[in-house]
C-alpha atoms as a PDB file:
ATOM      1  CA  UNK A   1    -157.622 -23.207-111.507  1.00  0.00           C
ATOM      2  CA  UNK A   2    -156.476 -24.459-108.153  1.00  0.00           C
ATOM      3  CA  UNK A   3    -159.485 -27.253-108.317  1.00  0.00           C
ATOM      4  CA  UNK A   4    -156.410 -28.634-110.906  1.00  0.00           C
ATOM      5  CA  UNK A   5    -153.880 -28.850-109.054  1.00  0.00           C
ATOM      6  CA  UNK A   6    -155.194 -30.035-106.085  1.00  0.00           C
ATOM      7  CA  UNK A   7    -156.732 -33.122-108.114  1.00  0.00           C
ATOM      8  CA  UNK A   8    -153.352 -33.322-109.665  1.00  0.00           C
ATOM      9  CA  UNK A   9    -151.801 -33.582-106.476  1.00  0.00           C
ATOM     10  CA  UNK A  10    -154.142 -36.545-105.241  1.00  0.00           C
ATOM     11  CA  UNK A  11    -153.569 -38.343-107.820  1.00  0.00           C
ATOM     12  CA  UNK A  12    -149.799 -38.689-108.430  1.00  0.00           C
ATOM     13  CA  UNK A  13    -150.453 -39.113-104.924  1.00  0.00           C
ATOM     14  CA  UNK A  14    -152.089 -41.940-105.178  1.00  0.00           C
ATOM     15  CA  UNK A  15    -149.533 -43.586-107.536  1.00  0.00           C
ATOM     16  CA  UNK A  16    -147.251 -44.033-104.004  1.00  0.00           C
ATOM     17  CA  UNK A  17    -143.961 -43.204-106.948  1.00  0.00           C
ATOM     18  CA  UNK A  18    -143.236 -39.874-106.887  1.00  0.00           C
ATOM     19  CA  UNK A  19    -144.164 -38.393-103.672  1.00  0.00           C
ATOM     20  CA  UNK A  20    -145.879 -34.751-104.041  1.00  0.00           C
ATOM     21  CA  UNK A  21    -146.553 -31.737-100.826  1.00  0.00           C
ATOM     22  CA  UNK A  22    -149.846 -33.436 -99.909  1.00  0.00           C
ATOM     23  CA  UNK A  23    -153.292 -31.009-100.649  1.00  0.00           C
ATOM     24  CA  UNK A  24    -155.569 -30.356 -97.779  1.00  0.00           C
ATOM     25  CA  UNK A  25    -157.977 -28.128 -98.388  1.00  0.00           C
ATOM     26  CA  UNK A  26    -159.088 -24.997-101.062  1.00  0.00           C
ATOM     27  CA  UNK A  27    -159.608 -21.575 -99.417  1.00  0.00           C
ATOM     28  CA  UNK A  28    -161.797 -19.125-100.662  1.00  0.00           C
ATOM     29  CA  UNK A  29    -159.358 -15.707 -99.808  1.00  0.00           C
ATOM     30  CA  UNK A  30    -160.077 -12.237-101.255  1.00  0.00           C
ATOM     31  CA  UNK A  31    -162.396 -13.687-104.439  1.00  0.00           C
ATOM     32  CA  UNK A  32    -159.905 -16.144-105.705  1.00  0.00           C
ATOM     33  CA  UNK A  33    -158.382 -19.306-103.941  1.00  0.00           C
ATOM     34  CA  UNK A  34    -155.145 -20.389-101.812  1.00  0.00           C
ATOM     35  CA  UNK A  35    -154.727 -24.193-102.053  1.00  0.00           C
ATOM     36  CA  UNK A  36    -153.420 -25.111 -98.695  1.00  0.00           C
ATOM     37  CA  UNK A  37    -150.725 -28.125 -99.030  1.00  0.00           C
ATOM     38  CA  UNK A  38    -148.644 -29.687 -96.248  1.00  0.00           C
ATOM     39  CA  UNK A  39    -144.947 -27.759 -95.975  1.00  0.00           C
ATOM     40  CA  UNK A  40    -142.441 -29.488 -96.582  1.00  0.00           C
ATOM     41  CA  UNK A  41    -138.311 -27.780 -96.814  1.00  0.00           C
ATOM     42  CA  UNK A  42    -136.849 -28.566 -99.805  1.00  0.00           C
ATOM     43  CA  UNK A  43    -133.769 -27.550-101.447  1.00  0.00           C
ATOM     44  CA  UNK A  44    -132.549 -28.456-104.755  1.00  0.00           C
ATOM     45  CA  UNK A  45    -133.385 -31.598-105.682  1.00  0.00           C
ATOM     46  CA  UNK A  46    -129.684 -32.519-107.515  1.00  0.00           C
ATOM     47  CA  UNK A  47    -128.357 -35.297-105.292  1.00  0.00           C
ATOM     48  CA  UNK A  48    -132.169 -37.101-106.092  1.00  0.00           C
ATOM     49  CA  UNK A  49    -131.767 -36.812-110.221  1.00  0.00           C
ATOM     50  CA  UNK A  50    -131.914 -40.632-110.119  1.00  0.00           C
ATOM     51  CA  UNK A  51    -134.727 -41.178-107.735  1.00  0.00           C
ATOM     52  CA  UNK A  52    -136.369 -39.147-109.029  1.00  0.00           C
ATOM     53  CA  UNK A  53    -135.860 -40.371-113.403  1.00  0.00           C
ATOM     54  CA  UNK A  54    -136.881 -43.423-111.784  1.00  0.00           C
ATOM     55  CA  UNK A  55    -139.938 -42.622-109.657  1.00  0.00           C
ATOM     56  CA  UNK A  56    -141.459 -40.774-112.018  1.00  0.00           C
ATOM     57  CA  UNK A  57    -141.157 -43.281-114.777  1.00  0.00           C
ATOM     58  CA  UNK A  58    -142.723 -45.514-111.893  1.00  0.00           C
ATOM     59  CA  UNK A  59    -145.217 -42.916-112.149  1.00  0.00           C
ATOM     60  CA  UNK A  60    -145.750 -43.800-115.954  1.00  0.00           C
ATOM     61  CA  UNK A  61    -146.518 -47.120-115.982  1.00  0.00           C
ATOM     62  CA  UNK A  62    -148.649 -46.979-113.185  1.00  0.00           C
ATOM     63  CA  UNK A  63    -151.937 -47.364-115.218  1.00  0.00           C
ATOM     64  CA  UNK A  64    -150.555 -49.693-117.283  1.00  0.00           C
ATOM     65  CA  UNK A  65    -149.685 -51.679-114.504  1.00  0.00           C
ATOM     66  CA  UNK A  66    -152.984 -51.786-113.631  1.00  0.00           C
ATOM     67  CA  UNK A  67    -154.265 -52.912-116.509  1.00  0.00           C
ATOM     68  CA  UNK A  68    -152.504 -55.588-115.722  1.00  0.00           C
ATOM     69  CA  UNK A  69    -153.307 -56.624-112.937  1.00  0.00           C
ATOM     70  CA  UNK A  70    -157.417 -56.372-113.891  1.00  0.00           C
ATOM     71  CA  UNK A  71    -156.593 -58.188-116.929  1.00  0.00           C
ATOM     72  CA  UNK A  72    -155.461 -60.866-114.080  1.00  0.00           C
ATOM     73  CA  UNK A  73    -158.005 -60.578-111.990  1.00  0.00           C
ATOM     74  CA  UNK A  74    -161.223 -60.158-114.834  1.00  0.00           C
ATOM     75  CA  UNK A  75    -162.159 -63.994-113.834  1.00  0.00           C
ATOM     76  CA  UNK A  76    -162.017 -63.764-110.410  1.00  0.00           C
ATOM     77  CA  UNK A  77    -165.674 -62.562-108.944  1.00  0.00           C
ATOM     78  CA  UNK A  78    -165.940 -60.087-106.819  1.00  0.00           C
ATOM     79  CA  UNK A  79    -162.154 -57.806-107.920  1.00  0.00           C
ATOM     80  CA  UNK A  80    -164.358 -54.674-107.812  1.00  0.00           C
ATOM     81  CA  UNK A  81    -164.763 -51.697-110.587  1.00  0.00           C
ATOM     82  CA  UNK A  82    -161.529 -51.014-112.714  1.00  0.00           C
ATOM     83  CA  UNK A  83    -159.451 -48.076-111.880  1.00  0.00           C
ATOM     84  CA  UNK A  84    -157.358 -48.248-114.891  1.00  0.00           C
ATOM     85  CA  UNK A  85    -157.505 -45.523-117.141  1.00  0.00           C
ATOM     86  CA  UNK A  86    -158.417 -46.563-120.700  1.00  0.00           C
ATOM     87  CA  UNK A  87    -158.701 -42.738-122.157  1.00  0.00           C
ATOM     88  CA  UNK A  88    -156.375 -39.524-122.456  1.00  0.00           C
ATOM     89  CA  UNK A  89    -157.408 -36.729-120.603  1.00  0.00           C
ATOM     90  CA  UNK A  90    -158.321 -35.723-116.911  1.00  0.00           C
ATOM     91  CA  UNK A  91    -161.750 -35.077-115.189  1.00  0.00           C
ATOM     92  CA  UNK A  92    -161.613 -31.395-115.425  1.00  0.00           C
ATOM     93  CA  UNK A  93    -158.525 -28.318-117.338  1.00  0.00           C
ATOM     94  CA  UNK A  94    -155.746 -28.109-115.962  1.00  0.00           C
ATOM     95  CA  UNK A  95    -153.199 -25.403-115.719  1.00  0.00           C
ATOM     96  CA  UNK A  96    -149.337 -24.109-117.362  1.00  0.00           C
ATOM     97  CA  UNK A  97    -149.428 -20.975-115.074  1.00  0.00           C
ATOM     98  CA  UNK A  98    -152.523 -19.412-115.806  1.00  0.00           C
ATOM     99  CA  UNK A  99    -153.140 -20.794-119.172  1.00  0.00           C
ATOM    100  CA  UNK A 100    -156.080 -23.112-118.611  1.00  0.00           C
ATOM    101  CA  UNK A 101    -155.306 -26.678-120.524  1.00  0.00           C
ATOM    102  CA  UNK A 102    -158.125 -28.670-122.189  1.00  0.00           C
ATOM    103  CA  UNK A 103    -158.308 -32.452-120.468  1.00  0.00           C
ATOM    104  CA  UNK A 104    -161.651 -33.868-122.895  1.00  0.00           C
ATOM    105  CA  UNK A 105    -161.301 -37.382-122.601  1.00  0.00           C
ATOM    106  CA  UNK A 106    -160.319 -38.636-125.965  1.00  0.00           C
ATOM    107  CA  UNK A 107    -159.334 -42.708-126.638  1.00  0.00           C
ATOM    108  CA  UNK A 108    -156.342 -42.056-129.190  1.00  0.00           C
ATOM    109  CA  UNK A 109    -152.849 -39.825-128.148  1.00  0.00           C
ATOM    110  CA  UNK A 110    -152.365 -37.666-131.343  1.00  0.00           C
ATOM    111  CA  UNK A 111    -156.323 -36.544-131.203  1.00  0.00           C
ATOM    112  CA  UNK A 112    -156.013 -35.600-127.720  1.00  0.00           C
ATOM    113  CA  UNK A 113    -152.652 -33.657-128.206  1.00  0.00           C
ATOM    114  CA  UNK A 114    -153.477 -31.964-131.714  1.00  0.00           C
ATOM    115  CA  UNK A 115    -157.281 -30.792-130.100  1.00  0.00           C
ATOM    116  CA  UNK A 116    -157.311 -30.832-126.426  1.00  0.00           C
ATOM    117  CA  UNK A 117    -153.016 -29.506-126.028  1.00  0.00           C
ATOM    118  CA  UNK A 118    -152.176 -28.067-129.250  1.00  0.00           C
ATOM    119  CA  UNK A 119    -155.449 -26.139-130.266  1.00  0.00           C
ATOM    120  CA  UNK A 120    -156.031 -24.384-127.638  1.00  0.00           C
ATOM    121  CA  UNK A 121    -152.835 -22.313-127.273  1.00  0.00           C
ATOM    122  CA  UNK A 122    -153.410 -21.687-130.487  1.00  0.00           C
ATOM    123  CA  UNK A 123    -157.049 -20.584-130.090  1.00  0.00           C
ATOM    124  CA  UNK A 124    -155.187 -18.308-127.785  1.00  0.00           C
ATOM    125  CA  UNK A 125    -152.832 -16.600-129.386  1.00  0.00           C
ATOM    126  CA  UNK A 126    -155.430 -16.503-132.481  1.00  0.00           C
ATOM    127  CA  UNK A 127    -157.822 -14.342-129.991  1.00  0.00           C
ATOM    128  CA  UNK A 128    -155.511 -12.627-128.414  1.00  0.00           C
ATOM    129  CA  UNK A 129    -152.770 -11.224-131.070  1.00  0.00           C
ATOM    130  CA  UNK A 130    -155.040 -12.396-134.643  1.00  0.00           C
ATOM    131  CA  UNK A 131    -151.724 -14.061-135.679  1.00  0.00           C
ATOM    132  CA  UNK A 132    -152.354 -15.550-139.004  1.00  0.00           C
ATOM    133  CA  UNK A 133    -148.343 -16.723-139.756  1.00  0.00           C
ATOM    134  CA  UNK A 134    -149.131 -19.829-136.624  1.00  0.00           C
ATOM    135  CA  UNK A 135    -152.880 -20.965-138.199  1.00  0.00           C
ATOM    136  CA  UNK A 136    -150.825 -20.981-141.700  1.00  0.00           C
ATOM    137  CA  UNK A 137    -148.109 -23.441-140.491  1.00  0.00           C
ATOM    138  CA  UNK A 138    -150.751 -24.911-138.279  1.00  0.00           C
ATOM    139  CA  UNK A 139    -152.859 -26.606-141.253  1.00  0.00           C
ATOM    140  CA  UNK A 140    -149.408 -28.188-142.768  1.00  0.00           C
ATOM    141  CA  UNK A 141    -148.319 -29.141-139.675  1.00  0.00           C
ATOM    142  CA  UNK A 142    -151.430 -31.157-138.338  1.00  0.00           C
ATOM    143  CA  UNK A 143    -151.488 -32.968-142.106  1.00  0.00           C
ATOM    144  CA  UNK A 144    -148.122 -34.222-140.770  1.00  0.00           C
ATOM    145  CA  UNK A 145    -148.594 -34.917-137.204  1.00  0.00           C
ATOM    146  CA  UNK A 146    -148.825 -39.222-138.324  1.00  0.00           C
ATOM    147  CA  UNK A 147    -145.197 -39.118-139.566  1.00  0.00           C
ATOM    148  CA  UNK A 148    -144.702 -38.588-135.674  1.00  0.00           C
ATOM    149  CA  UNK A 149    -146.245 -41.874-134.462  1.00  0.00           C
ATOM    150  CA  UNK A 150    -145.229 -43.923-137.395  1.00  0.00           C
ATOM    151  CA  UNK A 151    -144.265 -47.194-135.582  1.00  0.00           C
ATOM    152  CA  UNK A 152    -144.767 -46.425-132.534  1.00  0.00           C
ATOM    153  CA  UNK A 153    -147.419 -49.059-131.685  1.00  0.00           C
ATOM    154  CA  UNK A 154    -150.748 -48.282-129.051  1.00  0.00           C
ATOM    155  CA  UNK A 155    -150.068 -45.536-126.874  1.00  0.00           C
ATOM    156  CA  UNK A 156    -150.747 -46.407-123.038  1.00  0.00           C
ATOM    157  CA  UNK A 157    -152.839 -43.591-121.302  1.00  0.00           C
ATOM    158  CA  UNK A 158    -149.461 -42.812-118.608  1.00  0.00           C
ATOM    159  CA  UNK A 159    -150.434 -39.966-115.509  1.00  0.00           C
ATOM    160  CA  UNK A 160    -148.413 -37.536-116.420  1.00  0.00           C
ATOM    161  CA  UNK A 161    -147.099 -34.386-113.825  1.00  0.00           C
ATOM    162  CA  UNK A 162    -147.953 -31.751-117.177  1.00  0.00           C
ATOM    163  CA  UNK A 163    -145.683 -29.764-116.206  1.00  0.00           C
ATOM    164  CA  UNK A 164    -142.530 -31.706-115.655  1.00  0.00           C
ATOM    165  CA  UNK A 165    -139.562 -29.030-115.486  1.00  0.00           C
ATOM    166  CA  UNK A 166    -136.643 -27.360-113.482  1.00  0.00           C
ATOM    167  CA  UNK A 167    -138.524 -24.779-111.328  1.00  0.00           C
ATOM    168  CA  UNK A 168    -141.325 -27.471-109.961  1.00  0.00           C
ATOM    169  CA  UNK A 169    -139.081 -29.751-108.985  1.00  0.00           C
ATOM    170  CA  UNK A 170    -137.152 -29.333-105.270  1.00  0.00           C
ATOM    171  CA  UNK A 171    -136.478 -32.403-102.891  1.00  0.00           C
ATOM    172  CA  UNK A 172    -136.106 -32.400 -98.696  1.00  0.00           C
ATOM    173  CA  UNK A 173    -134.031 -34.564 -96.222  1.00  0.00           C
ATOM    174  CA  UNK A 174    -136.417 -37.674 -97.757  1.00  0.00           C
ATOM    175  CA  UNK A 175    -135.872 -37.518-101.345  1.00  0.00           C
ATOM    176  CA  UNK A 176    -136.675 -35.524-104.768  1.00  0.00           C
ATOM    177  CA  UNK A 177    -140.393 -33.890-105.043  1.00  0.00           C
ATOM    178  CA  UNK A 178    -142.723 -32.530-107.724  1.00  0.00           C
ATOM    179  CA  UNK A 179    -145.505 -30.347-107.543  1.00  0.00           C
ATOM    180  CA  UNK A 180    -147.236 -27.449-109.787  1.00  0.00           C
ATOM    181  CA  UNK A 181    -149.418 -30.591-111.830  1.00  0.00           C
ATOM    182  CA  UNK A 182    -150.730 -29.775-114.134  1.00  0.00           C
ATOM    183  CA  UNK A 183    -151.867 -33.069-114.787  1.00  0.00           C
ATOM    184  CA  UNK A 184    -153.606 -35.503-117.647  1.00  0.00           C
ATOM    185  CA  UNK A 185    -153.307 -38.784-118.428  1.00  0.00           C
ATOM    186  CA  UNK A 186    -151.158 -38.928-122.056  1.00  0.00           C
ATOM    187  CA  UNK A 187    -148.113 -40.077-123.488  1.00  0.00           C
ATOM    188  CA  UNK A 188    -145.362 -40.750-121.365  1.00  0.00           C
ATOM    189  CA  UNK A 189    -142.409 -38.953-123.430  1.00  0.00           C
ATOM    190  CA  UNK A 190    -144.611 -35.790-122.995  1.00  0.00           C
ATOM    191  CA  UNK A 191    -143.259 -35.299-119.522  1.00  0.00           C
ATOM    192  CA  UNK A 192    -139.937 -36.144-120.963  1.00  0.00           C
ATOM    193  CA  UNK A 193    -139.567 -33.169-123.636  1.00  0.00           C
ATOM    194  CA  UNK A 194    -140.387 -30.226-120.985  1.00  0.00           C
ATOM    195  CA  UNK A 195    -137.807 -31.430-118.209  1.00  0.00           C
ATOM    196  CA  UNK A 196    -135.665 -30.542-121.462  1.00  0.00           C
ATOM    197  CA  UNK A 197    -136.982 -27.174-121.346  1.00  0.00           C
ATOM    198  CA  UNK A 198    -135.936 -24.603-118.887  1.00  0.00           C
ATOM    199  CA  UNK A 199    -132.521 -25.170-117.515  1.00  0.00           C
ATOM    200  CA  UNK A 200    -132.876 -29.178-118.002  1.00  0.00           C
ATOM    201  CA  UNK A 201    -131.991 -31.886-115.367  1.00  0.00           C
ATOM    202  CA  UNK A 202    -129.462 -33.662-114.318  1.00  0.00           C
ATOM    203  CA  UNK A 203    -128.259 -36.768-117.313  1.00  0.00           C
ATOM    204  CA  UNK A 204    -128.557 -39.150-114.201  1.00  0.00           C
ATOM    205  CA  UNK A 205    -132.190 -38.298-114.579  1.00  0.00           C
ATOM    206  CA  UNK A 206    -132.475 -39.597-118.182  1.00  0.00           C
ATOM    207  CA  UNK A 207    -130.209 -42.876-117.231  1.00  0.00           C
ATOM    208  CA  UNK A 208    -131.972 -43.440-114.268  1.00  0.00           C
ATOM    209  CA  UNK A 209    -135.858 -43.417-116.689  1.00  0.00           C
ATOM    210  CA  UNK A 210    -134.686 -44.706-119.011  1.00  0.00           C
ATOM    211  CA  UNK A 211    -133.612 -47.506-117.436  1.00  0.00           C
ATOM    212  CA  UNK A 212    -136.803 -48.507-116.569  1.00  0.00           C
ATOM    213  CA  UNK A 213    -138.555 -47.082-119.443  1.00  0.00           C
ATOM    214  CA  UNK A 214    -136.647 -47.540-122.634  1.00  0.00           C
ATOM    215  CA  UNK A 215    -136.754 -45.086-125.235  1.00  0.00           C
ATOM    216  CA  UNK A 216    -138.842 -45.332-127.932  1.00  0.00           C
ATOM    217  CA  UNK A 217    -137.920 -45.041-131.794  1.00  0.00           C
ATOM    218  CA  UNK A 218    -138.808 -41.567-132.731  1.00  0.00           C
ATOM    219  CA  UNK A 219    -137.960 -40.430-129.494  1.00  0.00           C
ATOM    220  CA  UNK A 220    -136.355 -37.675-129.595  1.00  0.00           C
ATOM    221  CA  UNK A 221    -138.359 -36.103-133.008  1.00  0.00           C
ATOM    222  CA  UNK A 222    -141.743 -36.592-131.031  1.00  0.00           C
ATOM    223  CA  UNK A 223    -139.429 -34.870-128.252  1.00  0.00           C
ATOM    224  CA  UNK A 224    -139.368 -31.709-130.451  1.00  0.00           C
ATOM    225  CA  UNK A 225    -143.012 -31.890-131.201  1.00  0.00           C
ATOM    226  CA  UNK A 226    -144.046 -32.353-127.724  1.00  0.00           C
ATOM    227  CA  UNK A 227    -142.280 -29.439-126.513  1.00  0.00           C
ATOM    228  CA  UNK A 228    -143.843 -27.089-129.496  1.00  0.00           C
ATOM    229  CA  UNK A 229    -147.063 -27.021-126.374  1.00  0.00           C
ATOM    230  CA  UNK A 230    -144.963 -25.307-123.820  1.00  0.00           C
ATOM    231  CA  UNK A 231    -143.699 -22.884-126.448  1.00  0.00           C
ATOM    232  CA  UNK A 232    -146.517 -21.382-127.292  1.00  0.00           C
ATOM    233  CA  UNK A 233    -147.350 -21.598-124.155  1.00  0.00           C
ATOM    234  CA  UNK A 234    -144.862 -19.209-123.601  1.00  0.00           C
ATOM    235  CA  UNK A 235    -146.464 -16.383-126.447  1.00  0.00           C
ATOM    236  CA  UNK A 236    -149.471 -16.468-124.731  1.00  0.00           C
ATOM    237  CA  UNK A 237    -147.738 -15.953-121.407  1.00  0.00           C
ATOM    238  CA  UNK A 238    -145.534 -13.829-121.951  1.00  0.00           C
ATOM    239  CA  UNK A 239    -146.248 -12.058-125.215  1.00  0.00           C
ATOM    240  CA  UNK A 240    -145.626 -11.868-129.377  1.00  0.00           C
ATOM    241  CA  UNK A 241    -142.094 -11.665-128.726  1.00  0.00           C
ATOM    242  CA  UNK A 242    -141.969 -15.252-128.412  1.00  0.00           C
ATOM    243  CA  UNK A 243    -143.696 -15.456-132.050  1.00  0.00           C
ATOM    244  CA  UNK A 244    -140.516 -16.184-134.075  1.00  0.00           C
ATOM    245  CA  UNK A 245    -139.281 -18.203-131.792  1.00  0.00           C
ATOM    246  CA  UNK A 246    -142.026 -20.599-132.263  1.00  0.00           C
ATOM    247  CA  UNK A 247    -142.813 -19.674-135.638  1.00  0.00           C
ATOM    248  CA  UNK A 248    -139.187 -21.034-136.323  1.00  0.00           C
ATOM    249  CA  UNK A 249    -140.372 -24.416-133.877  1.00  0.00           C
ATOM    250  CA  UNK A 250    -143.167 -25.286-136.388  1.00  0.00           C
ATOM    251  CA  UNK A 251    -140.605 -24.224-139.480  1.00  0.00           C
ATOM    252  CA  UNK A 252    -138.163 -27.152-138.084  1.00  0.00           C
ATOM    253  CA  UNK A 253    -140.779 -29.974-137.580  1.00  0.00           C
ATOM    254  CA  UNK A 254    -141.857 -28.433-141.568  1.00  0.00           C
ATOM    255  CA  UNK A 255    -139.460 -30.038-142.715  1.00  0.00           C
END
């Protein structure tokens, strides 16, 4: 669990875009582990909404800019090993809450999202609850997935926070801070879909973000699809009381 968080914090920190607490060391403790991080005197993020939106957008563009830079340098002698990530995934599993999420590398974003994000959550639901309703709806939704990505064009892998919600964002005297990532390389819109859940962010966040990365056609519909991961995750954490909410969301996506 903390291995993934540690790696995610370090990956975000390396972009020099969004600020995170610096991770220092993983320590074994009473049969578990503790991740020792930089102390930051954090409070609410309110006044930094615009700054946060811009910094998250720059984090999402970091890998794309690496690709552009390396393409310009390709004919130079000694340009070094590529740092551009050309696939979707991460070097290890990461966790949203205590549920591990798959991060095996895939070349195609839609396939990665379906298999490593949604299917992992559905498998956990089936194992724990033996629910057939969700399996039936998933069999139909899988066939419909390509419709959500029509006319989108190629998706460049972006480093994502992976659990970008109100409870994982704060700020100190120097500006906004994000923490508790479930990082992986995916579609930048995925992070924004989770932002809208659990209370949402100040509208200034979205204005600043979209000034850097404008909305693509189909953004709002894909956001509802991406939110399905979080809804499955809530069911896996808190039980079948959330079943009808999840099934309702799946039925809406099938319309």
